[in-house]
C-alpha atoms as a PDB file:
ATOM      1  CA  UNK A   1     -33.806  38.145   1.615  1.00  0.00           C
ATOM      2  CA  UNK A   2     -30.432  36.501   2.275  1.00  0.00           C
ATOM      3  CA  UNK A   3     -28.571  39.246   0.391  1.00  0.00           C
ATOM      4  CA  UNK A   4     -30.356  41.949   2.421  1.00  0.00           C
ATOM      5  CA  UNK A   5     -29.257  40.217   5.626  1.00  0.00           C
ATOM      6  CA  UNK A   6     -25.653  40.089   4.412  1.00  0.00           C
ATOM      7  CA  UNK A   7     -25.720  43.776   3.447  1.00  0.00           C
ATOM      8  CA  UNK A   8     -27.234  44.626   6.840  1.00  0.00           C
ATOM      9  CA  UNK A   9     -24.465  42.702   8.655  1.00  0.00           C
ATOM     10  CA  UNK A  10     -21.793  44.444   6.593  1.00  0.00           C
ATOM     11  CA  UNK A  11     -23.288  47.828   7.461  1.00  0.00           C
ATOM     12  CA  UNK A  12     -23.309  46.920  11.155  1.00  0.00           C
ATOM     13  CA  UNK A  13     -19.657  45.872  10.982  1.00  0.00           C
ATOM     14  CA  UNK A  14     -18.718  49.113   9.240  1.00  0.00           C
ATOM     15  CA  UNK A  15     -20.666  51.103  11.835  1.00  0.00           C
ATOM     16  CA  UNK A  16     -19.003  49.300  14.737  1.00  0.00           C
ATOM     17  CA  UNK A  17     -15.556  49.710  13.248  1.00  0.00           C
ATOM     18  CA  UNK A  18     -16.110  53.399  12.585  1.00  0.00           C
ATOM     19  CA  UNK A  19     -17.761  54.135  15.922  1.00  0.00           C
ATOM     20  CA  UNK A  20     -15.664  51.984  18.226  1.00  0.00           C
ATOM     21  CA  UNK A  21     -12.589  50.311  16.785  1.00  0.00           C
ATOM     22  CA  UNK A  22     -11.143  53.395  15.097  1.00  0.00           C
ATOM     23  CA  UNK A  23     -11.438  55.346  18.328  1.00  0.00           C
ATOM     24  CA  UNK A  24     -10.125  52.468  20.400  1.00  0.00           C
ATOM     25  CA  UNK A  25      -7.264  51.788  18.008  1.00  0.00           C
ATOM     26  CA  UNK A  26      -5.986  55.320  18.607  1.00  0.00           C
ATOM     27  CA  UNK A  27      -6.429  55.144  22.350  1.00  0.00           C
ATOM     28  CA  UNK A  28      -5.973  52.612  25.067  1.00  0.00           C
ATOM     29  CA  UNK A  29      -8.020  50.746  27.555  1.00  0.00           C
ATOM     30  CA  UNK A  30      -7.728  52.317  30.979  1.00  0.00           C
ATOM     31  CA  UNK A  31      -8.171  51.218  34.559  1.00  0.00           C
ATOM     32  CA  UNK A  32     -10.199  53.185  37.067  1.00  0.00           C
ATOM     33  CA  UNK A  33      -6.970  53.850  38.957  1.00  0.00           C
ATOM     34  CA  UNK A  34      -5.323  55.654  35.997  1.00  0.00           C
ATOM     35  CA  UNK A  35      -4.772  59.402  35.948  1.00  0.00           C
ATOM     36  CA  UNK A  36      -3.276  59.716  32.462  1.00  0.00           C
ATOM     37  CA  UNK A  37      -6.298  59.117  30.239  1.00  0.00           C
ATOM     38  CA  UNK A  38      -7.201  60.549  26.854  1.00  0.00           C
ATOM     39  CA  UNK A  39     -10.426  61.240  25.020  1.00  0.00           C
ATOM     40  CA  UNK A  40     -11.716  57.954  23.592  1.00  0.00           C
ATOM     41  CA  UNK A  41     -10.021  55.693  26.151  1.00  0.00           C
ATOM     42  CA  UNK A  42     -12.345  52.989  27.386  1.00  0.00           C
ATOM     43  CA  UNK A  43     -12.750  50.650  30.322  1.00  0.00           C
ATOM     44  CA  UNK A  44     -14.902  47.524  30.589  1.00  0.00           C
ATOM     45  CA  UNK A  45     -16.199  46.852  34.059  1.00  0.00           C
ATOM     46  CA  UNK A  46     -17.740  43.639  35.286  1.00  0.00           C
ATOM     47  CA  UNK A  47     -21.056  43.176  33.512  1.00  0.00           C
ATOM     48  CA  UNK A  48     -23.247  41.140  35.791  1.00  0.00           C
ATOM     49  CA  UNK A  49     -23.947  43.251  38.817  1.00  0.00           C
ATOM     50  CA  UNK A  50     -27.467  43.665  40.092  1.00  0.00           C
ATOM     51  CA  UNK A  51     -28.577  47.245  40.578  1.00  0.00           C
ATOM     52  CA  UNK A  52     -32.220  46.471  41.145  1.00  0.00           C
ATOM     53  CA  UNK A  53     -31.675  44.508  44.331  1.00  0.00           C
ATOM     54  CA  UNK A  54     -31.821  46.231  47.689  1.00  0.00           C
ATOM     55  CA  UNK A  55     -29.458  46.372  49.345  1.00  0.00           C
ATOM     56  CA  UNK A  56     -27.202  46.874  46.344  1.00  0.00           C
ATOM     57  CA  UNK A  57     -24.471  44.235  46.249  1.00  0.00           C
ATOM     58  CA  UNK A  58     -21.042  45.135  47.594  1.00  0.00           C
ATOM     59  CA  UNK A  59     -19.361  44.711  44.169  1.00  0.00           C
ATOM     60  CA  UNK A  60     -21.637  47.389  42.711  1.00  0.00           C
ATOM     61  CA  UNK A  61     -20.911  49.766  45.579  1.00  0.00           C
ATOM     62  CA  UNK A  62     -17.159  49.180  45.117  1.00  0.00           C
ATOM     63  CA  UNK A  63     -17.515  49.926  41.399  1.00  0.00           C
ATOM     64  CA  UNK A  64     -19.386  53.165  42.142  1.00  0.00           C
ATOM     65  CA  UNK A  65     -16.736  54.201  44.645  1.00  0.00           C
ATOM     66  CA  UNK A  66     -14.008  53.423  42.080  1.00  0.00           C
ATOM     67  CA  UNK A  67     -15.714  55.503  39.383  1.00  0.00           C
ATOM     68  CA  UNK A  68     -16.255  58.384  41.824  1.00  0.00           C
ATOM     69  CA  UNK A  69     -12.606  58.261  42.906  1.00  0.00           C
ATOM     70  CA  UNK A  70     -11.521  58.151  39.252  1.00  0.00           C
ATOM     71  CA  UNK A  71     -13.540  61.318  38.572  1.00  0.00           C
ATOM     72  CA  UNK A  72     -12.115  63.021  41.658  1.00  0.00           C
ATOM     73  CA  UNK A  73      -8.566  62.098  40.581  1.00  0.00           C
ATOM     74  CA  UNK A  74      -9.280  63.315  37.025  1.00  0.00           C
ATOM     75  CA  UNK A  75     -11.237  66.558  37.578  1.00  0.00           C
ATOM     76  CA  UNK A  76     -11.460  67.509  33.896  1.00  0.00           C
ATOM     77  CA  UNK A  77     -12.712  64.123  32.685  1.00  0.00           C
ATOM     78  CA  UNK A  78     -16.257  63.625  31.409  1.00  0.00           C
ATOM     79  CA  UNK A  79     -17.413  60.021  31.081  1.00  0.00           C
ATOM     80  CA  UNK A  80     -20.055  58.121  29.175  1.00  0.00           C
ATOM     81  CA  UNK A  81     -21.285  54.977  30.865  1.00  0.00           C
ATOM     82  CA  UNK A  82     -22.830  52.497  28.457  1.00  0.00           C
ATOM     83  CA  UNK A  83     -24.770  49.484  29.598  1.00  0.00           C
ATOM     84  CA  UNK A  84     -25.605  46.596  27.273  1.00  0.00           C
ATOM     85  CA  UNK A  85     -27.797  43.495  27.560  1.00  0.00           C
ATOM     86  CA  UNK A  86     -27.908  40.214  25.744  1.00  0.00           C
ATOM     87  CA  UNK A  87     -30.699  39.565  23.234  1.00  0.00           C
ATOM     88  CA  UNK A  88     -32.873  37.267  25.335  1.00  0.00           C
ATOM     89  CA  UNK A  89     -35.700  39.725  25.854  1.00  0.00           C
ATOM     90  CA  UNK A  90     -37.679  42.198  23.767  1.00  0.00           C
ATOM     91  CA  UNK A  91     -35.510  45.025  22.411  1.00  0.00           C
ATOM     92  CA  UNK A  92     -37.573  47.866  23.877  1.00  0.00           C
ATOM     93  CA  UNK A  93     -37.617  46.168  27.276  1.00  0.00           C
ATOM     94  CA  UNK A  94     -33.827  45.794  27.165  1.00  0.00           C
ATOM     95  CA  UNK A  95     -33.467  49.484  26.240  1.00  0.00           C
ATOM     96  CA  UNK A  96     -35.593  50.480  29.224  1.00  0.00           C
ATOM     97  CA  UNK A  97     -33.789  48.060  31.528  1.00  0.00           C
ATOM     98  CA  UNK A  98     -30.311  49.301  30.607  1.00  0.00           C
ATOM     99  CA  UNK A  99     -31.306  52.952  30.882  1.00  0.00           C
ATOM    100  CA  UNK A 100     -32.797  52.378  34.350  1.00  0.00           C
ATOM    101  CA  UNK A 101     -29.706  50.475  35.441  1.00  0.00           C
ATOM    102  CA  UNK A 102     -27.217  53.015  34.111  1.00  0.00           C
ATOM    103  CA  UNK A 103     -29.244  55.844  35.712  1.00  0.00           C
ATOM    104  CA  UNK A 104     -29.228  53.990  39.016  1.00  0.00           C
ATOM    105  CA  UNK A 105     -25.474  53.469  38.670  1.00  0.00           C
ATOM    106  CA  UNK A 106     -24.988  57.206  38.102  1.00  0.00           C
ATOM    107  CA  UNK A 107     -27.123  58.012  41.147  1.00  0.00           C
ATOM    108  CA  UNK A 108     -25.075  55.634  43.278  1.00  0.00           C
ATOM    109  CA  UNK A 109     -21.829  57.249  42.049  1.00  0.00           C
ATOM    110  CA  UNK A 110     -23.117  60.737  42.887  1.00  0.00           C
ATOM    111  CA  UNK A 111     -24.844  59.773  46.138  1.00  0.00           C
ATOM    112  CA  UNK A 112     -21.918  60.431  48.473  1.00  0.00           C
ATOM    113  CA  UNK A 113     -19.794  62.755  46.375  1.00  0.00           C
ATOM    114  CA  UNK A 114     -19.592  66.330  45.178  1.00  0.00           C
ATOM    115  CA  UNK A 115     -19.030  65.323  41.551  1.00  0.00           C
ATOM    116  CA  UNK A 116     -20.938  67.428  39.010  1.00  0.00           C
ATOM    117  CA  UNK A 117     -23.611  65.194  37.471  1.00  0.00           C
ATOM    118  CA  UNK A 118     -22.860  66.715  34.044  1.00  0.00           C
ATOM    119  CA  UNK A 119     -19.558  64.815  34.067  1.00  0.00           C
ATOM    120  CA  UNK A 120     -21.373  61.499  33.673  1.00  0.00           C
ATOM    121  CA  UNK A 121     -23.338  60.854  30.476  1.00  0.00           C
ATOM    122  CA  UNK A 122     -25.559  57.802  30.180  1.00  0.00           C
ATOM    123  CA  UNK A 123     -26.279  55.426  27.354  1.00  0.00           C
ATOM    124  CA  UNK A 124     -28.635  52.495  27.899  1.00  0.00           C
ATOM    125  CA  UNK A 125     -27.849  50.527  24.745  1.00  0.00           C
ATOM    126  CA  UNK A 126     -30.027  47.497  25.410  1.00  0.00           C
ATOM    127  CA  UNK A 127     -29.195  44.814  22.864  1.00  0.00           C
ATOM    128  CA  UNK A 128     -28.737  47.252  19.963  1.00  0.00           C
ATOM    129  CA  UNK A 129     -24.928  47.104  19.909  1.00  0.00           C
ATOM    130  CA  UNK A 130     -23.818  43.472  20.039  1.00  0.00           C
ATOM    131  CA  UNK A 131     -20.189  42.931  20.861  1.00  0.00           C
ATOM    132  CA  UNK A 132     -17.586  42.551  18.138  1.00  0.00           C
ATOM    133  CA  UNK A 133     -15.064  39.737  18.641  1.00  0.00           C
ATOM    134  CA  UNK A 134     -11.590  41.233  19.014  1.00  0.00           C
ATOM    135  CA  UNK A 135      -8.215  39.473  19.036  1.00  0.00           C
ATOM    136  CA  UNK A 136      -8.329  39.497  22.841  1.00  0.00           C
ATOM    137  CA  UNK A 137     -11.762  37.862  22.975  1.00  0.00           C
ATOM    138  CA  UNK A 138     -10.734  35.281  20.367  1.00  0.00           C
ATOM    139  CA  UNK A 139      -7.654  34.375  22.441  1.00  0.00           C
ATOM    140  CA  UNK A 140      -9.884  33.726  25.451  1.00  0.00           C
ATOM    141  CA  UNK A 141     -12.657  32.023  23.462  1.00  0.00           C
ATOM    142  CA  UNK A 142     -11.217  30.462  20.284  1.00  0.00           C
ATOM    143  CA  UNK A 143     -14.660  29.293  19.134  1.00  0.00           C
ATOM    144  CA  UNK A 144     -15.437  32.962  18.365  1.00  0.00           C
ATOM    145  CA  UNK A 145     -13.938  34.191  15.070  1.00  0.00           C
ATOM    146  CA  UNK A 146     -12.228  37.583  15.043  1.00  0.00           C
ATOM    147  CA  UNK A 147     -14.525  40.224  13.544  1.00  0.00           C
ATOM    148  CA  UNK A 148     -17.711  38.270  14.300  1.00  0.00           C
ATOM    149  CA  UNK A 149     -20.609  40.357  15.577  1.00  0.00           C
ATOM    150  CA  UNK A 150     -22.311  38.535  18.444  1.00  0.00           C
ATOM    151  CA  UNK A 151     -25.801  39.226  17.106  1.00  0.00           C
ATOM    152  CA  UNK A 152     -28.903  37.033  17.224  1.00  0.00           C
ATOM    153  CA  UNK A 153     -28.264  35.379  13.863  1.00  0.00           C
ATOM    154  CA  UNK A 154     -24.813  34.236  15.040  1.00  0.00           C
ATOM    155  CA  UNK A 155     -26.069  33.248  18.478  1.00  0.00           C
ATOM    156  CA  UNK A 156     -28.725  31.014  16.918  1.00  0.00           C
ATOM    157  CA  UNK A 157     -25.946  28.930  15.328  1.00  0.00           C
ATOM    158  CA  UNK A 158     -24.318  28.055  18.669  1.00  0.00           C
ATOM    159  CA  UNK A 159     -25.332  24.600  19.898  1.00  0.00           C
ATOM    160  CA  UNK A 160     -23.010  24.217  22.896  1.00  0.00           C
ATOM    161  CA  UNK A 161     -24.766  25.598  26.017  1.00  0.00           C
ATOM    162  CA  UNK A 162     -21.569  26.779  27.729  1.00  0.00           C
ATOM    163  CA  UNK A 163     -20.460  28.618  24.604  1.00  0.00           C
ATOM    164  CA  UNK A 164     -23.945  30.100  24.232  1.00  0.00           C
ATOM    165  CA  UNK A 165     -23.879  31.421  27.807  1.00  0.00           C
ATOM    166  CA  UNK A 166     -20.399  32.876  27.275  1.00  0.00           C
ATOM    167  CA  UNK A 167     -21.630  34.796  24.216  1.00  0.00           C
ATOM    168  CA  UNK A 168     -24.571  36.174  26.216  1.00  0.00           C
ATOM    169  CA  UNK A 169     -22.119  37.113  29.004  1.00  0.00           C
ATOM    170  CA  UNK A 170     -19.922  38.961  26.503  1.00  0.00           C
ATOM    171  CA  UNK A 171     -22.887  40.955  25.215  1.00  0.00           C
ATOM    172  CA  UNK A 172     -23.958  41.909  28.770  1.00  0.00           C
ATOM    173  CA  UNK A 173     -21.424  44.548  29.647  1.00  0.00           C
ATOM    174  CA  UNK A 174     -20.775  47.992  30.993  1.00  0.00           C
ATOM    175  CA  UNK A 175     -18.363  50.220  29.156  1.00  0.00           C
ATOM    176  CA  UNK A 176     -16.942  53.505  30.446  1.00  0.00           C
ATOM    177  CA  UNK A 177     -15.627  55.897  27.806  1.00  0.00           C
ATOM    178  CA  UNK A 178     -13.686  59.112  28.320  1.00  0.00           C
ATOM    179  CA  UNK A 179     -15.611  61.780  26.373  1.00  0.00           C
ATOM    180  CA  UNK A 180     -13.533  64.773  27.440  1.00  0.00           C
ATOM    181  CA  UNK A 181     -10.187  65.180  29.122  1.00  0.00           C
END
């Protein structure tokens, strides 16, 4: 059983490296104010905004306005917005939650704009893609080893409550990726 778990973790690492790190290594992180972006560029936005509350919080509305303005300033860009949760709930519930939230985010972006809805693709990832610890994350949080996948088996080993909450915070995130330029 232990060897199957190790093989599974290795496959996840390979998948994450192939899907994300190779693309990100060739491209850069971008800001929503940039106009010179390339396919594969990515942007993390603050992860803990509440979409389900009414009225929607001002930070969420500012984010939606920023994404809309980015799309207006970059008329040929097509984006994918990914939303991720931590692993503290049932996987299928987290999938549903992130899809509803990312759909609501898209609707808020389009609400007061003339942006073609086909320029925003959605991906509610739930907890299926735990974050991979990069050099940057390790510099901020030295207790996290570079290359570590922040999955449930790793999370279960963390005894310090502040460190545990930080890992959950890192897994809860929204990522914007340039699909087309």
